N, C-alpha and C. Protein backbone atom coordinates (compact mmCIF):
# COMPACT_ATOMS: atom_id res chain seq x y z
N MET A 1 13.58 -22.12 -2.25
CA MET A 1 13.53 -20.70 -2.55
C MET A 1 12.09 -20.21 -2.43
N ALA A 2 11.92 -19.09 -1.72
CA ALA A 2 10.58 -18.55 -1.50
C ALA A 2 10.08 -17.85 -2.76
N THR A 3 8.81 -18.04 -3.04
CA THR A 3 8.19 -17.37 -4.19
C THR A 3 7.58 -16.06 -3.71
N ARG A 4 7.14 -15.27 -4.67
CA ARG A 4 6.45 -14.03 -4.30
C ARG A 4 5.15 -14.33 -3.58
N GLY A 5 4.53 -15.46 -3.94
CA GLY A 5 3.31 -15.87 -3.25
C GLY A 5 3.59 -16.16 -1.78
N ASP A 6 4.72 -16.81 -1.51
CA ASP A 6 5.12 -17.07 -0.12
C ASP A 6 5.41 -15.75 0.61
N SER A 7 6.10 -14.85 -0.08
CA SER A 7 6.42 -13.55 0.51
C SER A 7 5.14 -12.78 0.80
N TYR A 8 4.21 -12.82 -0.14
CA TYR A 8 2.92 -12.15 0.06
C TYR A 8 2.23 -12.69 1.31
N GLU A 9 2.17 -14.01 1.43
CA GLU A 9 1.50 -14.63 2.58
C GLU A 9 2.20 -14.27 3.89
N ALA A 10 3.52 -14.24 3.88
CA ALA A 10 4.27 -13.89 5.10
C ALA A 10 4.01 -12.44 5.49
N ILE A 11 4.02 -11.55 4.52
CA ILE A 11 3.76 -10.13 4.80
C ILE A 11 2.34 -9.96 5.32
N MET A 12 1.39 -10.60 4.67
CA MET A 12 -0.01 -10.46 5.09
C MET A 12 -0.24 -11.04 6.49
N ALA A 13 0.42 -12.15 6.82
CA ALA A 13 0.28 -12.73 8.17
C ALA A 13 0.76 -11.73 9.22
N ARG A 14 1.89 -11.09 8.93
CA ARG A 14 2.41 -10.10 9.88
C ARG A 14 1.49 -8.88 9.96
N LEU A 15 0.99 -8.43 8.82
CA LEU A 15 0.07 -7.29 8.83
C LEU A 15 -1.21 -7.61 9.61
N ARG A 16 -1.71 -8.83 9.47
CA ARG A 16 -2.93 -9.21 10.21
C ARG A 16 -2.72 -9.10 11.71
N GLN A 17 -1.50 -9.36 12.15
CA GLN A 17 -1.18 -9.25 13.58
C GLN A 17 -0.98 -7.81 14.01
N GLU A 18 -0.23 -7.05 13.20
CA GLU A 18 0.20 -5.73 13.64
C GLU A 18 -0.64 -4.58 13.11
N MET A 19 -1.25 -4.75 11.95
CA MET A 19 -2.06 -3.69 11.35
C MET A 19 -3.30 -4.31 10.71
N PRO A 20 -4.21 -4.84 11.53
CA PRO A 20 -5.34 -5.59 10.98
C PRO A 20 -6.22 -4.81 10.01
N SER A 21 -6.41 -3.51 10.23
CA SER A 21 -7.28 -2.76 9.30
C SER A 21 -6.62 -2.63 7.93
N LEU A 22 -5.32 -2.42 7.88
CA LEU A 22 -4.62 -2.36 6.60
C LEU A 22 -4.67 -3.73 5.91
N ALA A 23 -4.45 -4.78 6.68
CA ALA A 23 -4.50 -6.14 6.12
C ALA A 23 -5.87 -6.42 5.52
N GLU A 24 -6.92 -5.99 6.20
CA GLU A 24 -8.28 -6.21 5.68
C GLU A 24 -8.51 -5.44 4.39
N GLN A 25 -8.03 -4.21 4.31
CA GLN A 25 -8.18 -3.43 3.08
C GLN A 25 -7.46 -4.10 1.92
N LEU A 26 -6.25 -4.58 2.17
CA LEU A 26 -5.50 -5.25 1.11
C LEU A 26 -6.16 -6.57 0.72
N ASP A 27 -6.65 -7.32 1.71
CA ASP A 27 -7.37 -8.57 1.41
C ASP A 27 -8.57 -8.30 0.52
N GLN A 28 -9.32 -7.24 0.83
CA GLN A 28 -10.50 -6.91 0.02
C GLN A 28 -10.10 -6.58 -1.41
N GLU A 29 -9.04 -5.82 -1.57
CA GLU A 29 -8.58 -5.46 -2.92
C GLU A 29 -8.20 -6.72 -3.69
N VAL A 30 -7.47 -7.61 -3.06
CA VAL A 30 -7.03 -8.84 -3.74
C VAL A 30 -8.24 -9.71 -4.08
N ARG A 31 -9.21 -9.79 -3.16
CA ARG A 31 -10.41 -10.60 -3.42
C ARG A 31 -11.22 -10.03 -4.59
N HIS A 32 -11.27 -8.72 -4.69
CA HIS A 32 -12.04 -8.10 -5.78
C HIS A 32 -11.37 -8.29 -7.14
N GLY A 33 -10.08 -8.46 -7.17
CA GLY A 33 -9.38 -8.60 -8.44
C GLY A 33 -9.17 -7.25 -9.09
N ARG A 34 -8.65 -7.30 -10.29
CA ARG A 34 -8.38 -6.04 -11.00
C ARG A 34 -9.22 -5.97 -12.26
N MET A 35 -9.58 -4.76 -12.60
CA MET A 35 -10.42 -4.55 -13.78
C MET A 35 -9.53 -4.38 -15.00
N VAL A 36 -9.91 -5.05 -16.07
CA VAL A 36 -9.17 -4.94 -17.33
C VAL A 36 -10.16 -4.79 -18.48
N SER A 37 -9.69 -4.14 -19.52
CA SER A 37 -10.53 -3.97 -20.70
C SER A 37 -10.40 -5.20 -21.60
N GLU A 38 -11.27 -5.26 -22.58
CA GLU A 38 -11.22 -6.36 -23.56
C GLU A 38 -9.85 -6.36 -24.25
N LYS A 39 -9.35 -5.18 -24.57
CA LYS A 39 -8.04 -5.05 -25.23
C LYS A 39 -6.93 -5.61 -24.34
N ASP A 40 -6.96 -5.28 -23.04
CA ASP A 40 -5.94 -5.78 -22.11
C ASP A 40 -6.02 -7.30 -21.96
N LEU A 41 -7.25 -7.82 -21.95
CA LEU A 41 -7.40 -9.28 -21.87
C LEU A 41 -6.73 -9.96 -23.07
N ARG A 42 -6.90 -9.38 -24.24
CA ARG A 42 -6.27 -9.92 -25.45
C ARG A 42 -4.75 -9.84 -25.34
N GLN A 43 -4.24 -8.72 -24.87
CA GLN A 43 -2.79 -8.53 -24.76
C GLN A 43 -2.17 -9.50 -23.75
N GLU A 44 -2.90 -9.80 -22.71
CA GLU A 44 -2.40 -10.72 -21.68
C GLU A 44 -2.62 -12.18 -22.05
N GLY A 45 -3.30 -12.42 -23.15
CA GLY A 45 -3.55 -13.79 -23.56
C GLY A 45 -4.62 -14.49 -22.72
N ARG A 46 -5.49 -13.71 -22.09
CA ARG A 46 -6.52 -14.30 -21.24
C ARG A 46 -7.92 -14.14 -21.83
N TYR A 47 -8.00 -13.58 -23.02
CA TYR A 47 -9.29 -13.31 -23.62
C TYR A 47 -10.05 -14.60 -23.94
N ASP A 48 -9.37 -15.57 -24.53
CA ASP A 48 -10.04 -16.83 -24.92
C ASP A 48 -10.62 -17.53 -23.70
N GLU A 49 -9.87 -17.54 -22.61
CA GLU A 49 -10.35 -18.16 -21.37
C GLU A 49 -11.64 -17.49 -20.90
N ARG A 50 -11.64 -16.16 -20.87
CA ARG A 50 -12.80 -15.40 -20.43
C ARG A 50 -13.97 -15.58 -21.40
N ALA A 51 -13.69 -15.54 -22.70
CA ALA A 51 -14.75 -15.69 -23.71
C ALA A 51 -15.41 -17.06 -23.59
N SER A 52 -14.64 -18.12 -23.36
CA SER A 52 -15.23 -19.45 -23.25
C SER A 52 -16.10 -19.55 -21.99
N ARG A 53 -15.68 -18.91 -20.90
CA ARG A 53 -16.51 -18.94 -19.69
C ARG A 53 -17.81 -18.17 -19.90
N LEU A 54 -17.74 -17.06 -20.61
CA LEU A 54 -18.96 -16.30 -20.90
C LEU A 54 -19.89 -17.11 -21.80
N ALA A 55 -19.33 -17.80 -22.78
CA ALA A 55 -20.14 -18.62 -23.68
C ALA A 55 -20.81 -19.77 -22.93
N GLU A 56 -20.06 -20.39 -22.00
CA GLU A 56 -20.62 -21.50 -21.20
C GLU A 56 -21.82 -21.06 -20.38
N THR A 57 -21.78 -19.83 -19.91
CA THR A 57 -22.89 -19.33 -19.10
C THR A 57 -23.93 -18.59 -19.93
N GLU A 58 -23.75 -18.66 -21.27
CA GLU A 58 -24.67 -18.05 -22.22
C GLU A 58 -24.79 -16.54 -22.06
N LEU A 59 -23.66 -15.92 -21.73
CA LEU A 59 -23.61 -14.46 -21.64
C LEU A 59 -22.96 -13.92 -22.91
N PRO A 60 -23.27 -12.68 -23.27
CA PRO A 60 -22.67 -12.12 -24.50
C PRO A 60 -21.15 -11.93 -24.32
N PRO A 61 -20.40 -11.98 -25.41
CA PRO A 61 -18.95 -11.77 -25.32
C PRO A 61 -18.63 -10.33 -24.93
N LEU A 62 -17.42 -10.14 -24.46
CA LEU A 62 -16.98 -8.80 -24.10
C LEU A 62 -16.85 -7.93 -25.34
N GLY A 63 -17.35 -6.72 -25.23
CA GLY A 63 -17.18 -5.75 -26.31
C GLY A 63 -15.95 -4.89 -26.05
N LYS A 64 -15.59 -4.09 -27.03
CA LYS A 64 -14.39 -3.26 -26.91
C LYS A 64 -14.43 -2.30 -25.73
N SER A 65 -15.61 -1.81 -25.37
CA SER A 65 -15.70 -0.86 -24.26
C SER A 65 -16.02 -1.54 -22.93
N ASP A 66 -16.18 -2.85 -22.93
CA ASP A 66 -16.48 -3.58 -21.70
C ASP A 66 -15.22 -3.80 -20.87
N VAL A 67 -15.43 -3.97 -19.58
CA VAL A 67 -14.33 -4.31 -18.69
C VAL A 67 -14.67 -5.61 -17.98
N SER A 68 -13.65 -6.28 -17.54
CA SER A 68 -13.81 -7.54 -16.84
C SER A 68 -12.95 -7.51 -15.58
N VAL A 69 -13.31 -8.28 -14.61
CA VAL A 69 -12.52 -8.38 -13.39
C VAL A 69 -11.81 -9.73 -13.42
N ILE A 70 -10.50 -9.70 -13.24
CA ILE A 70 -9.73 -10.94 -13.21
C ILE A 70 -8.92 -10.98 -11.92
N PRO A 71 -8.58 -12.17 -11.46
CA PRO A 71 -7.79 -12.27 -10.23
C PRO A 71 -6.38 -11.71 -10.43
N TYR A 72 -5.81 -11.22 -9.35
CA TYR A 72 -4.41 -10.78 -9.40
C TYR A 72 -3.51 -12.01 -9.49
N THR A 73 -2.41 -11.88 -10.21
CA THR A 73 -1.41 -12.94 -10.24
C THR A 73 -0.61 -12.87 -8.94
N GLU A 74 0.22 -13.89 -8.69
CA GLU A 74 1.08 -13.89 -7.51
C GLU A 74 1.95 -12.63 -7.48
N ASP A 75 2.56 -12.32 -8.61
CA ASP A 75 3.42 -11.14 -8.69
C ASP A 75 2.62 -9.86 -8.45
N GLU A 76 1.43 -9.76 -9.00
CA GLU A 76 0.61 -8.57 -8.84
C GLU A 76 0.17 -8.40 -7.38
N ARG A 77 -0.17 -9.51 -6.72
CA ARG A 77 -0.55 -9.41 -5.29
C ARG A 77 0.63 -8.91 -4.47
N PHE A 78 1.81 -9.45 -4.73
CA PHE A 78 3.00 -9.02 -4.01
C PHE A 78 3.26 -7.53 -4.26
N GLU A 79 3.21 -7.11 -5.52
CA GLU A 79 3.45 -5.71 -5.86
C GLU A 79 2.41 -4.79 -5.24
N LEU A 80 1.16 -5.22 -5.18
CA LEU A 80 0.10 -4.43 -4.55
C LEU A 80 0.44 -4.17 -3.09
N VAL A 81 0.80 -5.22 -2.36
CA VAL A 81 1.14 -5.07 -0.95
C VAL A 81 2.42 -4.25 -0.80
N ARG A 82 3.39 -4.55 -1.61
CA ARG A 82 4.68 -3.85 -1.56
C ARG A 82 4.48 -2.36 -1.79
N ASP A 83 3.78 -2.01 -2.84
CA ASP A 83 3.54 -0.60 -3.15
C ASP A 83 2.72 0.09 -2.06
N SER A 84 1.74 -0.61 -1.51
CA SER A 84 0.91 -0.04 -0.44
C SER A 84 1.75 0.26 0.80
N LEU A 85 2.60 -0.68 1.19
CA LEU A 85 3.43 -0.47 2.37
C LEU A 85 4.46 0.64 2.15
N LEU A 86 5.06 0.65 0.98
CA LEU A 86 6.02 1.72 0.68
C LEU A 86 5.34 3.08 0.67
N THR A 87 4.17 3.17 0.06
CA THR A 87 3.44 4.44 0.02
C THR A 87 3.07 4.90 1.43
N LEU A 88 2.61 3.98 2.26
CA LEU A 88 2.25 4.31 3.63
C LEU A 88 3.47 4.83 4.39
N ALA A 89 4.59 4.12 4.30
CA ALA A 89 5.80 4.53 5.02
C ALA A 89 6.33 5.86 4.49
N GLU A 90 6.33 6.03 3.17
CA GLU A 90 6.80 7.28 2.58
C GLU A 90 5.92 8.46 3.00
N THR A 91 4.62 8.24 3.03
CA THR A 91 3.69 9.29 3.43
C THR A 91 3.86 9.65 4.90
N MET A 92 4.02 8.64 5.74
CA MET A 92 4.25 8.90 7.17
C MET A 92 5.49 9.77 7.36
N PHE A 93 6.57 9.41 6.69
CA PHE A 93 7.81 10.18 6.84
C PHE A 93 7.66 11.58 6.26
N ALA A 94 7.09 11.68 5.07
CA ALA A 94 6.97 12.99 4.41
C ALA A 94 6.10 13.96 5.20
N THR A 95 4.99 13.51 5.75
CA THR A 95 4.11 14.42 6.50
C THR A 95 4.77 14.89 7.79
N ARG A 96 5.42 13.98 8.49
CA ARG A 96 6.10 14.37 9.72
C ARG A 96 7.29 15.29 9.44
N SER A 97 8.03 14.96 8.40
CA SER A 97 9.18 15.76 8.02
C SER A 97 8.74 17.17 7.62
N SER A 98 7.66 17.28 6.87
CA SER A 98 7.15 18.58 6.45
C SER A 98 6.66 19.39 7.65
N ALA A 99 5.95 18.75 8.55
CA ALA A 99 5.46 19.46 9.75
C ALA A 99 6.63 19.94 10.60
N LEU A 100 7.67 19.12 10.74
CA LEU A 100 8.85 19.52 11.51
C LEU A 100 9.57 20.68 10.83
N LYS A 101 9.68 20.62 9.51
CA LYS A 101 10.35 21.69 8.76
C LYS A 101 9.62 23.02 8.94
N VAL A 102 8.29 23.00 8.85
CA VAL A 102 7.50 24.22 9.03
C VAL A 102 7.68 24.75 10.45
N ALA A 103 7.64 23.87 11.43
CA ALA A 103 7.81 24.29 12.82
C ALA A 103 9.17 24.94 13.03
N MET A 104 10.21 24.36 12.47
CA MET A 104 11.56 24.90 12.63
C MET A 104 11.71 26.23 11.89
N GLU A 105 11.18 26.31 10.67
CA GLU A 105 11.28 27.55 9.89
C GLU A 105 10.57 28.71 10.57
N ARG A 106 9.52 28.41 11.29
CA ARG A 106 8.73 29.47 11.95
C ARG A 106 9.05 29.60 13.43
N ALA A 107 10.12 28.95 13.84
CA ALA A 107 10.56 28.99 15.24
C ALA A 107 9.44 28.60 16.20
N MET A 108 8.68 27.61 15.80
CA MET A 108 7.59 27.11 16.64
C MET A 108 8.10 25.96 17.49
N GLU A 109 7.38 25.68 18.55
CA GLU A 109 7.73 24.55 19.40
C GLU A 109 7.53 23.26 18.60
N PRO A 110 8.48 22.33 18.63
CA PRO A 110 8.36 21.11 17.82
C PRO A 110 7.50 20.02 18.45
N GLU A 111 6.65 20.42 19.40
CA GLU A 111 5.74 19.46 20.01
C GLU A 111 4.32 19.95 19.79
N ILE A 112 3.48 19.03 19.33
CA ILE A 112 2.08 19.36 19.08
C ILE A 112 1.25 18.77 20.22
N ARG A 113 0.33 19.59 20.75
CA ARG A 113 -0.55 19.12 21.83
C ARG A 113 -1.99 19.13 21.33
N PHE A 114 -2.71 18.06 21.68
CA PHE A 114 -4.11 17.91 21.27
C PHE A 114 -4.99 17.79 22.51
N GLY A 115 -6.17 18.35 22.43
CA GLY A 115 -7.15 18.18 23.50
C GLY A 115 -7.41 19.48 24.23
N ASP A 116 -8.34 19.43 25.14
CA ASP A 116 -8.71 20.59 25.95
C ASP A 116 -8.09 20.41 27.33
N PRO A 117 -7.13 21.28 27.70
CA PRO A 117 -6.43 21.09 28.98
C PRO A 117 -7.34 21.19 30.20
N GLU A 118 -8.48 21.83 30.06
CA GLU A 118 -9.41 21.94 31.18
C GLU A 118 -10.23 20.67 31.38
N LEU A 119 -10.35 19.84 30.33
CA LEU A 119 -11.21 18.66 30.41
C LEU A 119 -10.46 17.33 30.39
N GLU A 120 -9.24 17.33 29.88
CA GLU A 120 -8.54 16.07 29.70
C GLU A 120 -7.03 16.24 29.71
N VAL A 121 -6.36 15.13 29.86
CA VAL A 121 -4.91 15.15 29.73
C VAL A 121 -4.60 15.30 28.24
N LEU A 122 -3.72 16.24 27.93
CA LEU A 122 -3.39 16.50 26.53
C LEU A 122 -2.59 15.35 25.93
N SER A 123 -2.89 15.06 24.68
CA SER A 123 -2.06 14.14 23.91
C SER A 123 -0.95 14.97 23.29
N ARG A 124 0.24 14.38 23.19
CA ARG A 124 1.38 15.12 22.67
C ARG A 124 2.08 14.33 21.57
N ILE A 125 2.57 15.07 20.58
CA ILE A 125 3.38 14.48 19.53
C ILE A 125 4.66 15.31 19.44
N ASN A 126 5.77 14.67 19.67
CA ASN A 126 7.07 15.32 19.55
C ASN A 126 7.53 15.12 18.11
N LEU A 127 7.53 16.19 17.31
CA LEU A 127 7.82 16.08 15.88
C LEU A 127 9.21 15.52 15.58
N PRO A 128 10.27 15.95 16.25
CA PRO A 128 11.58 15.33 15.94
C PRO A 128 11.59 13.83 16.20
N GLU A 129 11.00 13.41 17.31
CA GLU A 129 10.95 11.97 17.63
C GLU A 129 10.10 11.21 16.63
N GLU A 130 8.93 11.74 16.30
CA GLU A 130 8.03 11.07 15.36
C GLU A 130 8.62 11.03 13.95
N THR A 131 9.32 12.09 13.58
CA THR A 131 9.96 12.11 12.26
C THR A 131 11.03 11.04 12.19
N GLU A 132 11.82 10.92 13.25
CA GLU A 132 12.87 9.89 13.26
C GLU A 132 12.25 8.49 13.27
N ARG A 133 11.19 8.29 14.03
CA ARG A 133 10.52 6.98 14.04
C ARG A 133 9.97 6.64 12.66
N ALA A 134 9.38 7.63 11.97
CA ALA A 134 8.86 7.40 10.62
C ALA A 134 9.99 7.11 9.64
N ASN A 135 11.11 7.78 9.82
CA ASN A 135 12.27 7.53 8.96
C ASN A 135 12.78 6.10 9.16
N ILE A 136 12.86 5.67 10.40
CA ILE A 136 13.29 4.29 10.69
C ILE A 136 12.31 3.30 10.08
N ALA A 137 11.01 3.58 10.23
CA ALA A 137 9.99 2.70 9.65
C ALA A 137 10.13 2.63 8.14
N LEU A 138 10.36 3.77 7.50
CA LEU A 138 10.52 3.80 6.05
C LEU A 138 11.74 3.00 5.62
N ARG A 139 12.86 3.19 6.30
CA ARG A 139 14.06 2.43 5.95
C ARG A 139 13.85 0.93 6.18
N THR A 140 13.14 0.60 7.25
CA THR A 140 12.86 -0.81 7.54
C THR A 140 12.00 -1.43 6.46
N VAL A 141 10.92 -0.73 6.07
CA VAL A 141 10.03 -1.23 5.02
C VAL A 141 10.80 -1.40 3.72
N ARG A 142 11.60 -0.41 3.37
CA ARG A 142 12.39 -0.52 2.15
C ARG A 142 13.34 -1.69 2.21
N GLY A 143 13.98 -1.87 3.34
CA GLY A 143 14.91 -2.99 3.49
C GLY A 143 14.21 -4.34 3.43
N LEU A 144 13.08 -4.45 4.11
CA LEU A 144 12.35 -5.72 4.13
C LEU A 144 11.79 -6.08 2.76
N LEU A 145 11.40 -5.07 2.01
CA LEU A 145 10.80 -5.34 0.71
C LEU A 145 11.81 -5.26 -0.42
N ALA A 146 13.08 -5.06 -0.08
CA ALA A 146 14.16 -5.01 -1.07
C ALA A 146 13.78 -4.16 -2.26
N ASP A 147 13.57 -2.89 -2.00
CA ASP A 147 13.10 -1.97 -3.03
C ASP A 147 14.25 -1.50 -3.91
N ASP A 148 14.49 -2.19 -5.03
CA ASP A 148 15.55 -1.79 -5.97
C ASP A 148 15.15 -0.53 -6.73
N ARG A 149 13.86 -0.23 -6.79
CA ARG A 149 13.40 0.93 -7.55
C ARG A 149 13.38 2.19 -6.70
N ASP A 150 13.94 2.13 -5.49
CA ASP A 150 13.88 3.23 -4.54
C ASP A 150 14.56 4.47 -5.08
N PRO A 151 13.81 5.55 -5.29
CA PRO A 151 14.41 6.77 -5.80
C PRO A 151 15.13 7.59 -4.71
N HIS A 152 14.97 7.23 -3.42
CA HIS A 152 15.54 8.00 -2.32
C HIS A 152 16.29 7.10 -1.34
N PRO A 153 17.32 6.37 -1.75
CA PRO A 153 17.97 5.44 -0.84
C PRO A 153 18.74 6.12 0.29
N GLU A 154 18.98 7.43 0.16
CA GLU A 154 19.82 8.11 1.12
C GLU A 154 19.08 8.77 2.26
N ILE A 155 17.82 8.49 2.50
CA ILE A 155 17.09 9.11 3.60
C ILE A 155 17.77 8.74 4.90
N SER A 156 18.04 9.77 5.71
CA SER A 156 18.72 9.51 6.98
C SER A 156 17.98 10.14 8.13
């Protein structure tokens, strides 16, 4: 049975191939760890571990207003990647869908052209096609990540 750590590694391997800049951003976040307060360290049962390491290096103990950086757990790393991918896919779909809706409401052409026609070949974005592609991507991401918390399962 695959663990979340295995799932995290599989997702990151694929991202490194297909979306290297996103993979690098997520790698950096995971390497930096997460910041927690002294109170949170106590609640998580990690305060004694941190206090002993600080004592070994002859540093002062954490105070109530101090924060510490701790590594992400396997589950936290998976959730970080999962939430990032879902947010990216949801944002892609929402922005394209909104742009298409505005174009249709205002009887505008559903194709956007970029560039100067006198100097270059124009780049084009067909909003209905891009919206459908983003919708497919969103459904695929949700399916791959088995999002039980999905508030919008009916996107079509």
